[in-house]
Structure formats: structure tokens, C-alpha cells
Amino acid sequence: MARALHVLKGGDVALALTTIERQLAAGDRVSVALLRGAAAPALPPNVGVHRVPEEWSYERLLEAVFEADHVTTW
């Protein structure tokens, strides 16, 4: 089971949502980091969502990048 981190900065998230759904179907653990100003899309309930810097500091985001097997920015 891989760990995936998606960093969303705003804009169209349709491709991100498709990718997240495929990763979940494959059994991956998925987290989403929302950068300042990014709206939270409708995500499956088993996706961890964290606002940066309100919930996660930038230091915590950096740690999450190194903990993840896959990091994608959108």
C-alpha cells in the first residue's frame, strides 16, 4: 500500500479527483494538502485533508512530502 500526497493550490481539480479515486481503489493511503486560498473539493471520507498553514505548518508539509511514496501538485 503506497502513501500518496496531493498538494492542491486551487483551480480545476477534476483530474486530481480521478487520480485520488484510482489510488484509493488500489488500496493506497491518500492525503490532500490545501494551500492557502484553495477550496476544499468534495473528497471521499477516507482521504486526509489538511490546510496549510492553518492545520499543517509548512515544515509539516515538507515532512509529509518525504513520508509519501508519491507526491503530486495540482
Protein backbone atom coordinates (compact mmCIF):
# COMPACT_ATOMS: atom_id res chain seq x y z
CA MET A 1 0.00 0.00 0.00
CA ALA A 2 1.54 3.27 -1.15
CA ARG A 3 1.13 6.64 0.52
CA ALA A 4 0.09 9.44 -1.83
CA LEU A 5 0.12 13.16 -1.10
CA HIS A 6 -1.70 15.63 -3.33
CA VAL A 7 -0.96 19.33 -2.92
CA LEU A 8 -3.78 21.49 -4.23
CA LYS A 9 -3.23 25.19 -4.87
CA GLY A 10 -6.62 25.91 -6.44
CA GLY A 11 -8.19 25.73 -9.87
CA ASP A 12 -9.73 22.75 -11.65
CA VAL A 13 -9.39 19.57 -9.60
CA ALA A 14 -11.20 17.12 -11.89
CA LEU A 15 -8.04 15.23 -12.84
CA ALA A 16 -6.85 15.25 -9.22
CA LEU A 17 -10.15 13.69 -8.08
CA THR A 18 -9.93 10.98 -10.74
CA THR A 19 -6.36 10.20 -9.70
CA ILE A 20 -7.28 10.12 -5.99
CA GLU A 21 -10.19 7.74 -6.66
CA ARG A 22 -7.91 5.38 -8.61
CA GLN A 23 -5.31 5.41 -5.86
CA LEU A 24 -7.94 4.64 -3.22
CA ALA A 25 -9.28 1.78 -5.36
CA ALA A 26 -5.74 0.39 -5.49
CA GLY A 27 -5.59 0.44 -1.69
CA ASP A 28 -3.31 3.46 -1.32
CA ARG A 29 -3.46 5.86 1.62
CA VAL A 30 -4.22 9.33 0.27
CA SER A 31 -3.75 12.73 1.89
CA VAL A 32 -4.51 16.15 0.45
CA ALA A 33 -2.78 19.36 1.47
CA LEU A 34 -4.73 22.50 0.60
CA LEU A 35 -2.53 25.54 0.17
CA ARG A 36 -3.76 28.98 1.22
CA GLY A 37 -6.77 30.01 -0.87
CA ALA A 38 -7.50 26.54 -2.27
CA ALA A 39 -11.10 25.46 -1.94
CA ALA A 40 -11.69 22.01 -0.48
CA PRO A 41 -13.21 19.77 -3.16
CA ALA A 42 -15.67 17.00 -2.35
CA LEU A 43 -13.37 14.14 -1.38
CA PRO A 44 -14.08 10.59 -0.25
CA PRO A 45 -14.30 10.32 3.55
CA ASN A 46 -11.14 8.22 3.87
CA VAL A 47 -8.91 10.98 2.43
CA GLY A 48 -7.00 13.04 4.97
CA VAL A 49 -7.38 16.76 4.26
CA HIS A 50 -5.03 19.33 5.79
CA ARG A 51 -4.99 23.10 5.29
CA VAL A 52 -1.57 24.73 5.06
CA PRO A 53 -0.65 26.73 7.12
CA GLU A 54 -3.83 26.68 9.27
CA GLU A 55 -3.68 22.98 10.22
CA TRP A 56 -0.27 21.92 8.95
CA SER A 57 2.76 24.15 9.09
CA TYR A 58 5.00 24.36 6.04
CA GLU A 59 7.50 22.28 7.99
CA ARG A 60 4.86 19.56 8.48
CA LEU A 61 4.04 19.71 4.77
CA LEU A 62 7.71 19.15 3.97
CA GLU A 63 7.78 16.15 6.32
CA ALA A 64 4.68 14.76 4.57
CA VAL A 65 6.41 15.13 1.20
CA PHE A 66 9.27 12.93 2.38
CA GLU A 67 6.94 10.42 4.07
CA ALA A 68 4.87 9.92 0.91
CA ASP A 69 5.67 7.43 -1.82
CA HIS A 70 4.03 9.69 -4.44
CA VAL A 71 3.61 13.48 -4.35
CA THR A 72 1.53 15.31 -6.95
CA THR A 73 0.93 19.04 -7.11
CA TRP A 74 -2.08 20.45 -8.87
